[in-house]
């Protein structure tokens, strides 16, 4: 690059190295999750090498079920110069609570389905007013 130009990766290079689509990177930038370090003389967004670590962090927290808003809050702590480990632990505890609630709801749904199938008739009498008599609707 010429002297005086900002150094960094263009968004296409970052997309290639991270395995994420350019559209996702732009979205993350718009949300404040992935700050650009500036623009090239040609007006292209430029990203630091550190952006790859940041994307790995975002990806890891997403796989653990955190929302982008929750991830953004953890990154804000990091960007302020502090370790976000405590905040992440709180978010993960909340995620466990959400999962426990989903497990409970799924257990109730499973029980309902089992009850419905226990009385299921494979060849019920036809009734023009009913689509499926087994569903009792």
N, C-alpha and C. Protein backbone atom coordinates (compact mmCIF):
# COMPACT_ATOMS: atom_id res chain seq x y z
N UNK A 1 0.84 -1.19 0.00
CA UNK A 1 0.00 0.00 0.00
C UNK A 1 0.88 1.24 0.00
N UNK A 2 0.38 2.31 -0.52
CA UNK A 2 1.13 3.56 -0.58
C UNK A 2 1.26 4.18 0.80
N UNK A 3 2.29 4.97 0.98
CA UNK A 3 2.48 5.68 2.23
C UNK A 3 1.32 6.64 2.41
N UNK A 4 0.82 6.73 3.64
CA UNK A 4 -0.30 7.62 3.92
C UNK A 4 -1.65 6.91 3.86
N UNK A 5 -1.69 5.75 3.23
CA UNK A 5 -2.96 5.00 3.19
C UNK A 5 -3.14 4.23 4.48
N UNK A 6 -4.36 4.07 4.89
CA UNK A 6 -4.64 3.25 6.05
C UNK A 6 -4.39 1.79 5.69
N UNK A 7 -3.85 1.04 6.65
CA UNK A 7 -3.63 -0.37 6.40
C UNK A 7 -4.74 -1.16 7.09
N UNK A 8 -5.05 -2.27 6.54
CA UNK A 8 -6.10 -3.12 7.07
C UNK A 8 -6.67 -3.96 5.95
N UNK A 9 -7.58 -4.82 6.34
CA UNK A 9 -8.22 -5.71 5.36
C UNK A 9 -9.49 -5.08 4.83
N UNK A 10 -9.69 -5.23 3.55
CA UNK A 10 -10.98 -4.85 2.99
C UNK A 10 -12.00 -5.89 3.44
N UNK A 11 -13.25 -5.53 3.38
CA UNK A 11 -14.32 -6.39 3.89
C UNK A 11 -14.37 -7.73 3.15
N UNK A 12 -14.03 -7.74 1.87
CA UNK A 12 -14.02 -8.99 1.11
C UNK A 12 -12.95 -9.94 1.61
N UNK A 13 -11.79 -9.39 1.94
CA UNK A 13 -10.70 -10.22 2.47
C UNK A 13 -11.08 -10.77 3.84
N UNK A 14 -11.70 -9.93 4.66
CA UNK A 14 -12.14 -10.38 5.98
C UNK A 14 -13.21 -11.46 5.85
N UNK A 15 -14.10 -11.30 4.90
CA UNK A 15 -15.12 -12.31 4.65
C UNK A 15 -14.48 -13.63 4.25
N UNK A 16 -13.51 -13.56 3.36
CA UNK A 16 -12.83 -14.78 2.93
C UNK A 16 -12.10 -15.48 4.05
N UNK A 17 -11.44 -14.71 4.89
CA UNK A 17 -10.66 -15.30 5.98
C UNK A 17 -11.55 -15.80 7.12
N UNK A 18 -12.69 -15.14 7.33
CA UNK A 18 -13.56 -15.52 8.44
C UNK A 18 -14.58 -16.58 8.05
N UNK A 19 -14.83 -16.71 6.75
CA UNK A 19 -15.86 -17.66 6.31
C UNK A 19 -17.27 -17.10 6.41
N UNK A 20 -17.40 -15.83 6.72
CA UNK A 20 -18.72 -15.20 6.82
C UNK A 20 -18.99 -14.35 5.59
N UNK A 21 -20.24 -14.26 5.19
CA UNK A 21 -20.57 -13.44 4.02
C UNK A 21 -20.34 -11.94 4.29
N UNK A 22 -20.01 -11.21 3.25
CA UNK A 22 -19.83 -9.77 3.35
C UNK A 22 -21.07 -9.11 3.95
N UNK A 23 -22.24 -9.59 3.56
CA UNK A 23 -23.50 -9.03 4.06
C UNK A 23 -23.58 -9.14 5.59
N UNK A 24 -23.14 -10.26 6.13
CA UNK A 24 -23.14 -10.45 7.59
C UNK A 24 -22.17 -9.48 8.25
N UNK A 25 -21.00 -9.32 7.66
CA UNK A 25 -20.01 -8.40 8.22
C UNK A 25 -20.53 -6.96 8.21
N UNK A 26 -21.21 -6.57 7.15
CA UNK A 26 -21.79 -5.23 7.09
C UNK A 26 -22.85 -5.06 8.17
N UNK A 27 -23.66 -6.12 8.35
CA UNK A 27 -24.70 -6.09 9.38
C UNK A 27 -24.06 -5.96 10.77
N UNK A 28 -23.03 -6.73 11.03
CA UNK A 28 -22.33 -6.64 12.32
C UNK A 28 -21.73 -5.25 12.51
N UNK A 29 -21.22 -4.68 11.44
CA UNK A 29 -20.66 -3.32 11.54
C UNK A 29 -21.77 -2.33 11.87
N UNK A 30 -22.91 -2.46 11.19
CA UNK A 30 -24.04 -1.56 11.44
C UNK A 30 -24.51 -1.65 12.89
N UNK A 31 -24.45 -2.85 13.48
CA UNK A 31 -24.88 -3.04 14.87
C UNK A 31 -23.82 -2.58 15.87
N UNK A 32 -22.62 -2.31 15.39
CA UNK A 32 -21.55 -1.91 16.28
C UNK A 32 -20.75 -3.08 16.84
N UNK A 33 -20.99 -4.27 16.32
CA UNK A 33 -20.27 -5.45 16.78
C UNK A 33 -18.87 -5.54 16.18
N UNK A 34 -18.72 -4.98 14.99
CA UNK A 34 -17.47 -5.12 14.25
C UNK A 34 -17.05 -3.75 13.70
N UNK A 35 -16.30 -3.01 14.48
CA UNK A 35 -15.93 -1.67 14.00
C UNK A 35 -14.86 -1.72 12.91
N UNK A 36 -15.04 -0.89 11.92
CA UNK A 36 -14.01 -0.71 10.90
C UNK A 36 -12.97 0.25 11.47
N UNK A 37 -11.73 0.12 11.02
CA UNK A 37 -10.68 1.03 11.50
C UNK A 37 -10.58 2.26 10.62
N UNK A 38 -11.36 2.29 9.57
CA UNK A 38 -11.35 3.44 8.67
C UNK A 38 -11.70 2.99 7.27
N UNK A 39 -11.30 3.85 6.33
CA UNK A 39 -11.57 3.56 4.92
C UNK A 39 -10.30 3.80 4.12
N UNK A 40 -10.19 3.04 3.06
CA UNK A 40 -9.04 3.22 2.16
C UNK A 40 -9.24 4.50 1.35
N UNK A 41 -8.22 4.88 0.60
CA UNK A 41 -8.34 6.06 -0.26
C UNK A 41 -9.47 5.88 -1.26
N UNK A 42 -9.74 4.61 -1.61
CA UNK A 42 -10.83 4.33 -2.54
C UNK A 42 -12.19 4.25 -1.88
N UNK A 43 -12.24 4.44 -0.56
CA UNK A 43 -13.51 4.44 0.15
C UNK A 43 -13.95 3.09 0.68
N UNK A 44 -13.09 2.07 0.56
CA UNK A 44 -13.44 0.74 1.07
C UNK A 44 -13.26 0.67 2.58
N UNK A 45 -14.18 -0.04 3.25
CA UNK A 45 -14.03 -0.26 4.69
C UNK A 45 -12.75 -1.06 4.93
N UNK A 46 -12.06 -0.72 6.00
CA UNK A 46 -10.86 -1.46 6.38
C UNK A 46 -11.03 -2.00 7.79
N UNK A 47 -10.60 -3.24 7.99
CA UNK A 47 -10.73 -3.91 9.27
C UNK A 47 -9.37 -4.38 9.75
N UNK A 48 -9.17 -4.32 11.06
CA UNK A 48 -7.92 -4.75 11.67
C UNK A 48 -7.85 -6.27 11.71
N UNK A 49 -6.66 -6.78 11.85
CA UNK A 49 -6.44 -8.22 12.01
C UNK A 49 -7.23 -8.74 13.22
N UNK A 50 -7.36 -7.91 14.25
CA UNK A 50 -8.09 -8.27 15.46
C UNK A 50 -9.56 -8.60 15.17
N UNK A 51 -10.06 -8.12 14.04
CA UNK A 51 -11.45 -8.38 13.67
C UNK A 51 -11.73 -9.87 13.56
N UNK A 52 -10.72 -10.65 13.15
CA UNK A 52 -10.91 -12.10 13.05
C UNK A 52 -11.17 -12.71 14.42
N UNK A 53 -10.43 -12.28 15.44
CA UNK A 53 -10.66 -12.78 16.81
C UNK A 53 -12.04 -12.36 17.29
N UNK A 54 -12.41 -11.15 16.97
CA UNK A 54 -13.71 -10.63 17.38
C UNK A 54 -14.84 -11.46 16.75
N UNK A 55 -14.67 -11.80 15.48
CA UNK A 55 -15.67 -12.63 14.80
C UNK A 55 -15.73 -14.03 15.39
N UNK A 56 -14.59 -14.59 15.78
CA UNK A 56 -14.58 -15.90 16.45
C UNK A 56 -15.32 -15.82 17.77
N UNK A 57 -15.13 -14.74 18.50
CA UNK A 57 -15.82 -14.51 19.76
C UNK A 57 -17.33 -14.44 19.54
N UNK A 58 -17.74 -13.66 18.56
CA UNK A 58 -19.17 -13.51 18.23
C UNK A 58 -19.74 -14.88 17.86
N UNK A 59 -19.05 -15.59 17.00
CA UNK A 59 -19.51 -16.91 16.55
C UNK A 59 -19.66 -17.87 17.73
N UNK A 60 -18.68 -17.87 18.64
CA UNK A 60 -18.73 -18.76 19.81
C UNK A 60 -19.94 -18.46 20.68
N UNK A 61 -20.17 -17.19 20.97
CA UNK A 61 -21.31 -16.84 21.81
C UNK A 61 -22.64 -17.11 21.10
N UNK A 62 -22.66 -16.96 19.79
CA UNK A 62 -23.89 -17.30 19.05
C UNK A 62 -24.17 -18.80 19.16
N UNK A 63 -23.12 -19.64 19.06
CA UNK A 63 -23.34 -21.09 19.17
C UNK A 63 -23.81 -21.47 20.57
N UNK A 64 -23.53 -20.63 21.56
CA UNK A 64 -24.01 -20.88 22.92
C UNK A 64 -25.42 -20.32 23.14
N UNK A 65 -25.98 -19.73 22.08
CA UNK A 65 -27.36 -19.28 22.12
C UNK A 65 -27.58 -17.83 22.50
N UNK A 66 -26.52 -17.06 22.63
CA UNK A 66 -26.70 -15.66 22.98
C UNK A 66 -27.14 -14.85 21.76
N UNK A 67 -27.95 -13.85 22.02
CA UNK A 67 -28.42 -12.98 20.95
C UNK A 67 -27.33 -11.98 20.59
N UNK A 68 -27.45 -11.36 19.44
CA UNK A 68 -26.48 -10.35 19.03
C UNK A 68 -26.50 -9.17 20.00
N UNK A 69 -27.64 -8.86 20.55
CA UNK A 69 -27.74 -7.77 21.53
C UNK A 69 -26.95 -8.13 22.80
N UNK A 70 -27.08 -9.38 23.24
CA UNK A 70 -26.33 -9.82 24.42
C UNK A 70 -24.83 -9.83 24.14
N UNK A 71 -24.47 -10.26 22.95
CA UNK A 71 -23.05 -10.28 22.56
C UNK A 71 -22.51 -8.85 22.49
N UNK A 72 -23.32 -7.95 21.97
CA UNK A 72 -22.90 -6.55 21.87
C UNK A 72 -22.62 -5.98 23.26
N UNK A 73 -23.44 -6.35 24.23
CA UNK A 73 -23.22 -5.84 25.59
C UNK A 73 -21.91 -6.36 26.15
N UNK A 74 -21.55 -7.61 25.87
CA UNK A 74 -20.27 -8.17 26.32
C UNK A 74 -19.10 -7.49 25.61
N UNK A 75 -19.25 -7.23 24.34
CA UNK A 75 -18.19 -6.55 23.58
C UNK A 75 -18.01 -5.11 24.05
N UNK A 76 -19.09 -4.47 24.49
CA UNK A 76 -18.99 -3.10 24.98
C UNK A 76 -18.11 -3.06 26.23
N UNK A 77 -18.22 -4.06 27.08
CA UNK A 77 -17.37 -4.14 28.28
C UNK A 77 -15.91 -4.29 27.85
N UNK A 78 -15.67 -5.20 26.88
CA UNK A 78 -14.31 -5.40 26.36
C UNK A 78 -13.77 -4.12 25.75
N UNK A 79 -14.60 -3.46 24.95
CA UNK A 79 -14.16 -2.24 24.27
C UNK A 79 -13.86 -1.11 25.26
N UNK A 80 -14.46 -1.18 26.45
CA UNK A 80 -14.19 -0.18 27.48
C UNK A 80 -12.90 -0.50 28.25
N UNK A 81 -12.27 -1.63 27.89
CA UNK A 81 -10.99 -1.97 28.49
C UNK A 81 -11.07 -2.98 29.63
N UNK A 82 -12.25 -3.52 29.87
CA UNK A 82 -12.42 -4.51 30.94
C UNK A 82 -12.65 -5.89 30.35
N UNK A 83 -12.44 -6.90 31.18
CA UNK A 83 -12.74 -8.28 30.77
C UNK A 83 -14.24 -8.51 30.92
N UNK A 84 -14.89 -9.06 29.92
CA UNK A 84 -16.33 -9.28 29.99
C UNK A 84 -16.72 -10.63 30.59
N UNK A 85 -15.77 -11.33 31.21
CA UNK A 85 -16.05 -12.69 31.69
C UNK A 85 -17.23 -12.74 32.64
N UNK A 86 -17.32 -11.79 33.57
CA UNK A 86 -18.45 -11.76 34.51
C UNK A 86 -19.77 -11.55 33.79
N UNK A 87 -19.78 -10.65 32.83
CA UNK A 87 -20.99 -10.38 32.05
C UNK A 87 -21.38 -11.60 31.22
N UNK A 88 -20.39 -12.27 30.67
CA UNK A 88 -20.66 -13.47 29.87
C UNK A 88 -21.26 -14.55 30.75
N UNK A 89 -20.72 -14.72 31.96
CA UNK A 89 -21.24 -15.73 32.89
C UNK A 89 -22.71 -15.45 33.20
N UNK A 90 -23.03 -14.18 33.41
CA UNK A 90 -24.44 -13.81 33.68
C UNK A 90 -25.31 -14.16 32.48
N UNK A 91 -24.84 -13.83 31.28
CA UNK A 91 -25.61 -14.14 30.06
C UNK A 91 -25.80 -15.64 29.90
N UNK A 92 -24.76 -16.41 30.21
CA UNK A 92 -24.86 -17.87 30.08
C UNK A 92 -25.82 -18.45 31.10
N UNK A 93 -25.84 -17.89 32.31
CA UNK A 93 -26.82 -18.32 33.33
C UNK A 93 -28.24 -18.05 32.84
N UNK A 94 -28.44 -16.89 32.25
CA UNK A 94 -29.76 -16.55 31.69
C UNK A 94 -30.13 -17.52 30.56
N UNK A 95 -29.15 -17.89 29.77
CA UNK A 95 -29.38 -18.84 28.68
C UNK A 95 -29.79 -20.20 29.25
N UNK A 96 -29.15 -20.63 30.33
CA UNK A 96 -29.53 -21.89 30.97
C UNK A 96 -30.98 -21.82 31.45
N UNK A 97 -31.38 -20.70 32.03
CA UNK A 97 -32.76 -20.52 32.48
C UNK A 97 -33.73 -20.60 31.31
N UNK A 98 -33.37 -19.97 30.19
CA UNK A 98 -34.23 -20.04 28.99
C UNK A 98 -34.35 -21.49 28.51
N UNK A 99 -33.23 -22.19 28.50
CA UNK A 99 -33.23 -23.59 28.05
C UNK A 99 -34.08 -24.45 28.98
N UNK A 100 -33.95 -24.22 30.29
CA UNK A 100 -34.77 -24.97 31.25
C UNK A 100 -36.25 -24.74 30.99
N UNK A 101 -36.62 -23.49 30.69
CA UNK A 101 -38.02 -23.18 30.36
C UNK A 101 -38.46 -23.89 29.10
N UNK A 102 -37.59 -23.91 28.10
CA UNK A 102 -37.93 -24.60 26.84
C UNK A 102 -38.07 -26.10 27.06
N UNK A 103 -37.20 -26.66 27.89
CA UNK A 103 -37.28 -28.09 28.19
C UNK A 103 -38.61 -28.40 28.87
N UNK A 104 -39.02 -27.54 29.81
CA UNK A 104 -40.29 -27.74 30.50
C UNK A 104 -41.45 -27.67 29.51
N UNK A 105 -41.43 -26.67 28.64
CA UNK A 105 -42.48 -26.52 27.62
C UNK A 105 -42.51 -27.72 26.68
N UNK A 106 -41.34 -28.19 26.28
CA UNK A 106 -41.27 -29.35 25.39
C UNK A 106 -41.78 -30.61 26.09
N UNK A 107 -41.50 -30.73 27.37
CA UNK A 107 -42.01 -31.87 28.15
C UNK A 107 -43.53 -31.86 28.19
N UNK A 108 -44.10 -30.68 28.37
CA UNK A 108 -45.56 -30.56 28.38
C UNK A 108 -46.14 -30.87 27.01
N UNK A 109 -45.49 -30.40 25.96
CA UNK A 109 -45.94 -30.69 24.60
C UNK A 109 -45.85 -32.18 24.31
N UNK A 110 -44.77 -32.81 24.75
CA UNK A 110 -44.59 -34.26 24.56
C UNK A 110 -45.71 -35.03 25.25
N UNK A 111 -46.03 -34.62 26.46
CA UNK A 111 -47.10 -35.29 27.23
C UNK A 111 -48.44 -35.14 26.50
N UNK A 112 -48.68 -33.94 25.99
CA UNK A 112 -49.92 -33.68 25.24
C UNK A 112 -49.98 -34.55 23.98
N UNK A 113 -48.88 -34.64 23.25
CA UNK A 113 -48.84 -35.46 22.03
C UNK A 113 -49.04 -36.94 22.34
N UNK A 114 -48.39 -37.42 23.40
CA UNK A 114 -48.55 -38.83 23.80
C UNK A 114 -50.01 -39.11 24.15
N UNK A 115 -50.64 -38.20 24.89
CA UNK A 115 -52.05 -38.37 25.25
C UNK A 115 -52.94 -38.39 24.03
N UNK A 116 -52.65 -37.52 23.09
CA UNK A 116 -53.43 -37.46 21.85
C UNK A 116 -53.28 -38.76 21.07
N UNK A 117 -52.05 -39.25 20.95
CA UNK A 117 -51.81 -40.47 20.19
C UNK A 117 -52.33 -41.72 20.90
N UNK A 118 -52.46 -41.66 22.22
CA UNK A 118 -52.96 -42.82 22.97
C UNK A 118 -54.40 -43.15 22.57
N UNK A 119 -55.17 -42.12 22.24
CA UNK A 119 -56.56 -42.36 21.83
C UNK A 119 -56.77 -42.22 20.33
N UNK A 120 -55.70 -42.27 19.57
CA UNK A 120 -55.77 -42.05 18.12
C UNK A 120 -56.47 -43.21 17.43
N UNK A 121 -57.40 -42.88 16.55
CA UNK A 121 -58.10 -43.88 15.75
C UNK A 121 -57.50 -43.86 14.35
N UNK A 122 -57.09 -45.02 13.86
CA UNK A 122 -56.47 -45.05 12.55
C UNK A 122 -57.49 -44.92 11.42
N UNK A 123 -58.73 -45.27 11.70
CA UNK A 123 -59.76 -45.18 10.67
C UNK A 123 -61.05 -44.64 11.29
N UNK A 124 -61.04 -43.34 11.68
CA UNK A 124 -62.25 -42.79 12.32
C UNK A 124 -63.39 -42.62 11.31
N UNK A 125 -64.60 -42.51 11.85
CA UNK A 125 -65.77 -42.29 11.00
C UNK A 125 -65.68 -40.92 10.35
N UNK A 126 -66.03 -40.86 9.07
CA UNK A 126 -65.99 -39.58 8.36
C UNK A 126 -67.11 -38.68 8.85
N UNK A 127 -66.77 -37.42 8.94
CA UNK A 127 -67.74 -36.41 9.34
C UNK A 127 -67.43 -35.18 8.48
N UNK A 128 -68.35 -34.76 7.65
CA UNK A 128 -68.12 -33.66 6.72
C UNK A 128 -67.79 -32.36 7.44
N UNK A 129 -68.19 -32.22 8.69
CA UNK A 129 -67.97 -30.98 9.44
C UNK A 129 -66.60 -30.96 10.13
N UNK A 130 -65.89 -32.09 10.08
CA UNK A 130 -64.62 -32.20 10.81
C UNK A 130 -63.51 -32.62 9.84
N UNK A 131 -62.37 -31.98 9.93
CA UNK A 131 -61.25 -32.32 9.05
C UNK A 131 -60.57 -33.60 9.53
N UNK A 132 -60.28 -33.70 10.83
CA UNK A 132 -59.67 -34.90 11.41
C UNK A 132 -60.29 -35.09 12.80
N UNK A 133 -61.17 -36.09 12.96
CA UNK A 133 -61.85 -36.30 14.24
C UNK A 133 -60.88 -36.56 15.40
N UNK A 134 -59.70 -37.07 15.13
CA UNK A 134 -58.74 -37.34 16.19
C UNK A 134 -58.25 -36.09 16.91
N UNK A 135 -58.32 -34.97 16.24
CA UNK A 135 -57.81 -33.73 16.83
C UNK A 135 -58.86 -33.01 17.67
N UNK A 136 -60.07 -33.41 17.59
CA UNK A 136 -61.16 -32.84 18.42
C UNK A 136 -61.29 -31.33 18.24
N UNK A 137 -61.21 -30.89 16.98
CA UNK A 137 -61.44 -29.46 16.69
C UNK A 137 -62.52 -29.31 15.65
